[in-house]
C-alpha atoms as a PDB file:
ATOM      1  CA  MET A   1       0.042   0.033   0.134  1.00  0.00           C
ATOM      2  CA  ALA A   2       0.898   3.241  -1.026  1.00  0.00           C
ATOM      3  CA  TYR A   3       0.144   6.779   0.848  1.00  0.00           C
ATOM      4  CA  TRP A   4      -0.563  10.410  -0.248  1.00  0.00           C
ATOM      5  CA  LEU A   5      -1.839  14.120   1.298  1.00  0.00           C
ATOM      6  CA  PHE A   6      -4.975  15.265  -1.128  1.00  0.00           C
ATOM      7  CA  LYS A   7      -4.360  19.140  -0.903  1.00  0.00           C
ATOM      8  CA  SER A   8      -7.546  21.294  -0.537  1.00  0.00           C
ATOM      9  CA  GLU A   9      -9.022  24.979   0.111  1.00  0.00           C
ATOM     10  CA  PRO A  10     -11.753  24.128   2.989  1.00  0.00           C
ATOM     11  CA  PHE A  11     -13.830  26.720   0.940  1.00  0.00           C
ATOM     12  CA  LYS A  12     -13.789  24.984  -2.789  1.00  0.00           C
ATOM     13  CA  TRP A  13     -14.016  21.514  -1.077  1.00  0.00           C
ATOM     14  CA  SER A  14     -14.202  20.863   2.669  1.00  0.00           C
ATOM     15  CA  TRP A  15     -13.365  17.571   4.841  1.00  0.00           C
ATOM     16  CA  ASP A  16     -17.242  17.994   5.982  1.00  0.00           C
ATOM     17  CA  MET A  17     -18.009  18.256   1.806  1.00  0.00           C
ATOM     18  CA  GLN A  18     -15.970  15.121   1.339  1.00  0.00           C
ATOM     19  CA  LYS A  19     -17.779  12.703   4.054  1.00  0.00           C
ATOM     20  CA  ALA A  20     -20.406  13.508   2.767  1.00  0.00           C
ATOM     21  CA  LYS A  21     -20.047  11.875  -0.450  1.00  0.00           C
ATOM     22  CA  GLY A  22     -20.007   8.686   1.420  1.00  0.00           C
ATOM     23  CA  ASP A  23     -18.783   5.375   0.189  1.00  0.00           C
ATOM     24  CA  ALA A  24     -19.519   7.110  -3.438  1.00  0.00           C
ATOM     25  CA  GLY A  25     -16.523   8.674  -2.817  1.00  0.00           C
ATOM     26  CA  GLU A  26     -15.777  11.581  -5.387  1.00  0.00           C
ATOM     27  CA  GLU A  27     -13.184  12.461  -8.383  1.00  0.00           C
ATOM     28  CA  TRP A  28      -9.818  13.934  -7.265  1.00  0.00           C
ATOM     29  CA  ASP A  29     -10.390  16.687 -10.623  1.00  0.00           C
ATOM     30  CA  GLY A  30      -9.018  20.008 -11.358  1.00  0.00           C
ATOM     31  CA  ILE A  31      -5.627  19.502 -11.208  1.00  0.00           C
ATOM     32  CA  ARG A  32      -3.729  20.879 -13.765  1.00  0.00           C
ATOM     33  CA  ASN A  33       0.016  19.708 -12.332  1.00  0.00           C
ATOM     34  CA  TYR A  34       1.616  17.650 -14.083  1.00  0.00           C
ATOM     35  CA  GLN A  35       3.396  16.073 -11.618  1.00  0.00           C
ATOM     36  CA  ALA A  36       0.340  16.146  -8.797  1.00  0.00           C
ATOM     37  CA  ARG A  37      -1.296  13.811 -12.032  1.00  0.00           C
ATOM     38  CA  ASN A  38       1.608  11.618 -12.267  1.00  0.00           C
ATOM     39  CA  PHE A  39       1.848  11.130  -8.213  1.00  0.00           C
ATOM     40  CA  MET A  40      -2.519  10.367  -8.716  1.00  0.00           C
ATOM     41  CA  ARG A  41      -1.239   7.401 -12.247  1.00  0.00           C
ATOM     42  CA  ASP A  42       1.067   5.475  -9.244  1.00  0.00           C
ATOM     43  CA  MET A  43      -1.976   5.073  -7.060  1.00  0.00           C
ATOM     44  CA  LYS A  44      -4.156   1.871  -6.880  1.00  0.00           C
ATOM     45  CA  VAL A  45      -7.173   1.005  -5.597  1.00  0.00           C
ATOM     46  CA  GLY A  46      -7.023   0.411  -1.775  1.00  0.00           C
ATOM     47  CA  ASP A  47      -4.064   3.346  -0.850  1.00  0.00           C
ATOM     48  CA  GLN A  48      -4.967   6.182   1.731  1.00  0.00           C
ATOM     49  CA  GLY A  49      -4.114   9.478   1.735  1.00  0.00           C
ATOM     50  CA  PHE A  50      -4.692  12.799   4.389  1.00  0.00           C
ATOM     51  CA  PHE A  51      -6.684  14.946   3.662  1.00  0.00           C
ATOM     52  CA  TYR A  52      -5.485  18.501   4.258  1.00  0.00           C
ATOM     53  CA  HIS A  53      -7.353  21.669   4.813  1.00  0.00           C
ATOM     54  CA  SER A  54      -4.844  24.476   3.111  1.00  0.00           C
ATOM     55  CA  ASN A  55      -4.646  28.337   3.388  1.00  0.00           C
ATOM     56  CA  GLU A  56      -7.385  28.213   6.019  1.00  0.00           C
ATOM     57  CA  GLY A  57      -6.715  25.688   8.834  1.00  0.00           C
ATOM     58  CA  LYS A  58      -2.926  24.077   7.161  1.00  0.00           C
ATOM     59  CA  GLU A  59      -4.109  21.596   8.748  1.00  0.00           C
ATOM     60  CA  ILE A  60      -4.247  17.293   8.119  1.00  0.00           C
ATOM     61  CA  VAL A  61      -8.240  16.808   9.157  1.00  0.00           C
ATOM     62  CA  GLY A  62      -9.028  13.266   8.490  1.00  0.00           C
ATOM     63  CA  ILE A  63      -8.899   9.982   6.017  1.00  0.00           C
ATOM     64  CA  VAL A  64      -8.950   9.076   2.870  1.00  0.00           C
ATOM     65  CA  GLU A  65      -8.820   6.045   0.806  1.00  0.00           C
ATOM     66  CA  ILE A  66      -8.465   5.589  -3.009  1.00  0.00           C
ATOM     67  CA  SER A  67     -11.850   4.255  -4.638  1.00  0.00           C
ATOM     68  CA  ASN A  68     -10.910   4.811  -7.871  1.00  0.00           C
ATOM     69  CA  GLU A  69      -7.714   4.398 -10.013  1.00  0.00           C
ATOM     70  CA  ILE A  70      -6.567   6.966 -12.649  1.00  0.00           C
ATOM     71  CA  HIS A  71      -9.231   8.283 -15.209  1.00  0.00           C
ATOM     72  CA  PRO A  72     -10.382  11.448 -17.650  1.00  0.00           C
ATOM     73  CA  ASP A  73     -10.519  13.908 -15.119  1.00  0.00           C
ATOM     74  CA  SER A  74     -14.872  15.316 -16.163  1.00  0.00           C
ATOM     75  CA  THR A  75     -13.785  18.745 -14.963  1.00  0.00           C
ATOM     76  CA  THR A  76     -12.191  18.865 -19.255  1.00  0.00           C
ATOM     77  CA  ASP A  77     -12.430  18.149 -22.561  1.00  0.00           C
ATOM     78  CA  ASP A  78      -8.700  18.233 -22.328  1.00  0.00           C
ATOM     79  CA  PRO A  79      -7.113  13.942 -22.282  1.00  0.00           C
ATOM     80  CA  ARG A  80      -4.215  15.655 -20.275  1.00  0.00           C
ATOM     81  CA  TRP A  81      -6.131  15.820 -17.034  1.00  0.00           C
ATOM     82  CA  GLU A  82      -6.935  13.297 -15.197  1.00  0.00           C
ATOM     83  CA  CYS A  83      -7.745  12.151 -11.786  1.00  0.00           C
ATOM     84  CA  VAL A  84      -8.504   9.139  -9.357  1.00  0.00           C
ATOM     85  CA  ASP A  85     -11.593   8.860  -7.003  1.00  0.00           C
ATOM     86  CA  ILE A  86     -11.349   9.124  -3.155  1.00  0.00           C
ATOM     87  CA  LYS A  87     -13.948   8.122   0.035  1.00  0.00           C
ATOM     88  CA  ALA A  88     -13.860   9.826   2.846  1.00  0.00           C
ATOM     89  CA  VAL A  89     -12.002   7.193   5.470  1.00  0.00           C
ATOM     90  CA  LYS A  90     -12.464   8.755   9.254  1.00  0.00           C
ATOM     91  CA  ASP A  91     -11.202  11.508  10.704  1.00  0.00           C
ATOM     92  CA  VAL A  92      -8.028  12.325  12.082  1.00  0.00           C
ATOM     93  CA  PRO A  93      -8.657  12.673  15.891  1.00  0.00           C
ATOM     94  CA  LYS A  94      -6.533  15.176  16.607  1.00  0.00           C
ATOM     95  CA  PRO A  95      -5.276  17.525  13.814  1.00  0.00           C
ATOM     96  CA  VAL A  96      -2.409  18.023  12.615  1.00  0.00           C
ATOM     97  CA  THR A  97      -1.110  21.413  11.477  1.00  0.00           C
ATOM     98  CA  LEU A  98       1.147  22.488   9.319  1.00  0.00           C
ATOM     99  CA  ALA A  99       3.435  23.815  12.775  1.00  0.00           C
ATOM    100  CA  ASP A 100       3.265  20.880  14.212  1.00  0.00           C
ATOM    101  CA  VAL A 101       4.868  18.944  10.743  1.00  0.00           C
ATOM    102  CA  LYS A 102       7.439  21.723  10.602  1.00  0.00           C
ATOM    103  CA  ALA A 103       8.082  20.879  14.340  1.00  0.00           C
ATOM    104  CA  THR A 104       9.046  17.817  14.628  1.00  0.00           C
ATOM    105  CA  PRO A 105      12.480  17.070  12.527  1.00  0.00           C
ATOM    106  CA  GLU A 106      11.382  13.487  11.248  1.00  0.00           C
ATOM    107  CA  LEU A 107       9.144  14.541   8.899  1.00  0.00           C
ATOM    108  CA  ALA A 108      11.661  17.927   7.796  1.00  0.00           C
ATOM    109  CA  GLU A 109      11.730  15.504   4.611  1.00  0.00           C
ATOM    110  CA  MET A 110       8.840  15.267   4.217  1.00  0.00           C
ATOM    111  CA  ALA A 111       6.665  16.541   0.425  1.00  0.00           C
ATOM    112  CA  LEU A 112       4.367  18.551   2.790  1.00  0.00           C
ATOM    113  CA  VAL A 113       7.176  20.976   4.324  1.00  0.00           C
ATOM    114  CA  LYS A 114       9.191  20.679   0.993  1.00  0.00           C
ATOM    115  CA  SER A 115       6.782  20.823  -2.014  1.00  0.00           C
ATOM    116  CA  MET A 116       4.447  23.178  -0.276  1.00  0.00           C
ATOM    117  CA  ARG A 117       2.539  23.989  -2.943  1.00  0.00           C
ATOM    118  CA  LEU A 118       1.965  20.865  -4.606  1.00  0.00           C
ATOM    119  CA  SER A 119      -1.833  19.246  -4.051  1.00  0.00           C
ATOM    120  CA  VAL A 120      -1.309  15.627  -4.667  1.00  0.00           C
ATOM    121  CA  GLN A 121       2.043  14.459  -2.421  1.00  0.00           C
ATOM    122  CA  PRO A 122       3.091  10.791  -2.020  1.00  0.00           C
ATOM    123  CA  VAL A 123       3.851  10.077   2.261  1.00  0.00           C
ATOM    124  CA  ARG A 124       6.379   7.533   3.117  1.00  0.00           C
ATOM    125  CA  PRO A 125       5.123   5.197   5.365  1.00  0.00           C
ATOM    126  CA  GLU A 126       7.372   5.965   8.161  1.00  0.00           C
ATOM    127  CA  GLU A 127       5.854  10.090   7.851  1.00  0.00           C
ATOM    128  CA  TRP A 128       2.008   8.480   7.477  1.00  0.00           C
ATOM    129  CA  ALA A 129       2.741   6.261  10.383  1.00  0.00           C
ATOM    130  CA  LEU A 130       3.833   9.536  13.232  1.00  0.00           C
ATOM    131  CA  VAL A 131       1.409  11.748  11.837  1.00  0.00           C
ATOM    132  CA  CYS A 132      -1.209   9.171  12.571  1.00  0.00           C
ATOM    133  CA  LYS A 133       0.354   8.934  15.947  1.00  0.00           C
ATOM    134  CA  MET A 134       0.273  12.702  16.558  1.00  0.00           C
ATOM    135  CA  GLY A 135      -3.391  12.134  15.107  1.00  0.00           C
ATOM    136  CA  GLY A 136      -3.916  10.250  18.152  1.00  0.00           C
ATOM    137  CA  LEU A 137      -4.759   7.377  15.465  1.00  0.00           C
END
């Protein structure tokens, strides 16, 4: 299993909106960055990810699961852009803030710290385990 992080501005797509989609999940659409799209091409059904509120909150608030592998993004006719579907799995009991991540030396190389602008990022297994622990999971 691989781990990922999905960033969303809560006023556009919040954790509560994601949870409201239930098991049907939702396309992670609108990505127009080649590196982020390529990461989605590597995702498999069952992989898990952090749901991160960017701009407002700046914190990891939930766990999602890939529910459908790469397919054309329904928000464009441009065949270069693809997306995966994700579904909410559970809340992070104690949201993990960007400040918490930056203050943890073991997470200094995490993509969230190094590639802050990228909306879809890989998470290494040891980072996943530590952030889950920090969040009360």
